[in-house]
């Protein structure tokens, strides 16, 4: 659940933190996720990474 009502949450699963961070540099992330969510945000996205044990 998003922290604030105005937040948008996009969930992805990765096998390591390094792979998760590398995903941010991919064409798919930039062209699909960032571009697709652009109309819903005013500034740079606030990206957060979480790990589970």
Protein backbone atom coordinates (compact mmCIF):
# COMPACT_ATOMS: atom_id res chain seq x y z
CA UNK A 1 0.00 0.00 0.00
CA UNK A 2 1.39 3.43 -0.87
CA UNK A 3 2.52 5.60 2.00
CA UNK A 4 0.50 8.63 0.86
CA UNK A 5 -2.79 8.68 -1.02
CA UNK A 6 -1.16 10.50 -3.95
CA UNK A 7 1.62 7.89 -4.31
CA UNK A 8 1.81 5.40 -7.16
CA UNK A 9 3.35 2.04 -6.36
CA UNK A 10 5.04 -0.08 -9.02
CA UNK A 11 6.19 -3.48 -7.82
CA UNK A 12 8.88 -5.60 -9.42
CA UNK A 13 10.76 -8.63 -8.16
CA UNK A 14 14.52 -9.02 -8.60
CA UNK A 15 17.03 -11.58 -7.38
CA UNK A 16 19.46 -8.95 -6.06
CA UNK A 17 19.64 -5.28 -5.15
CA UNK A 18 22.21 -4.79 -7.90
CA UNK A 19 19.77 -6.09 -10.54
CA UNK A 20 17.01 -3.88 -9.16
CA UNK A 21 19.18 -0.77 -9.39
CA UNK A 22 20.46 -1.73 -12.86
CA UNK A 23 16.84 -1.95 -14.05
CA UNK A 24 16.53 1.82 -13.56
CA UNK A 25 18.96 2.31 -16.46
CA UNK A 26 17.10 0.10 -18.92
CA UNK A 27 15.23 1.39 -21.95
CA UNK A 28 12.11 -0.46 -20.80
CA UNK A 29 12.07 1.33 -17.44
CA UNK A 30 12.75 4.74 -18.97
CA UNK A 31 10.34 4.37 -21.91
CA UNK A 32 7.52 2.43 -20.26
CA UNK A 33 7.48 3.11 -16.52
CA UNK A 34 8.90 6.64 -16.27
CA UNK A 35 7.19 7.91 -19.43
CA UNK A 36 3.91 6.17 -18.58
CA UNK A 37 3.75 7.67 -15.09
CA UNK A 38 4.92 11.15 -16.10
CA UNK A 39 1.38 12.61 -16.34
CA UNK A 40 0.77 11.60 -12.70
CA UNK A 41 3.81 13.31 -11.17
CA UNK A 42 5.08 16.86 -10.85
CA UNK A 43 8.82 16.23 -10.35
CA UNK A 44 11.42 13.53 -10.28
CA UNK A 45 10.15 10.18 -8.99
CA UNK A 46 10.93 9.15 -5.44
CA UNK A 47 12.29 5.64 -5.94
CA UNK A 48 12.63 3.28 -3.00
CA UNK A 49 14.07 -0.19 -2.80
CA UNK A 50 13.10 -2.79 -0.23
CA UNK A 51 14.52 -6.22 0.44
CA UNK A 52 12.79 -9.14 2.11
CA UNK A 53 14.43 -11.88 4.11
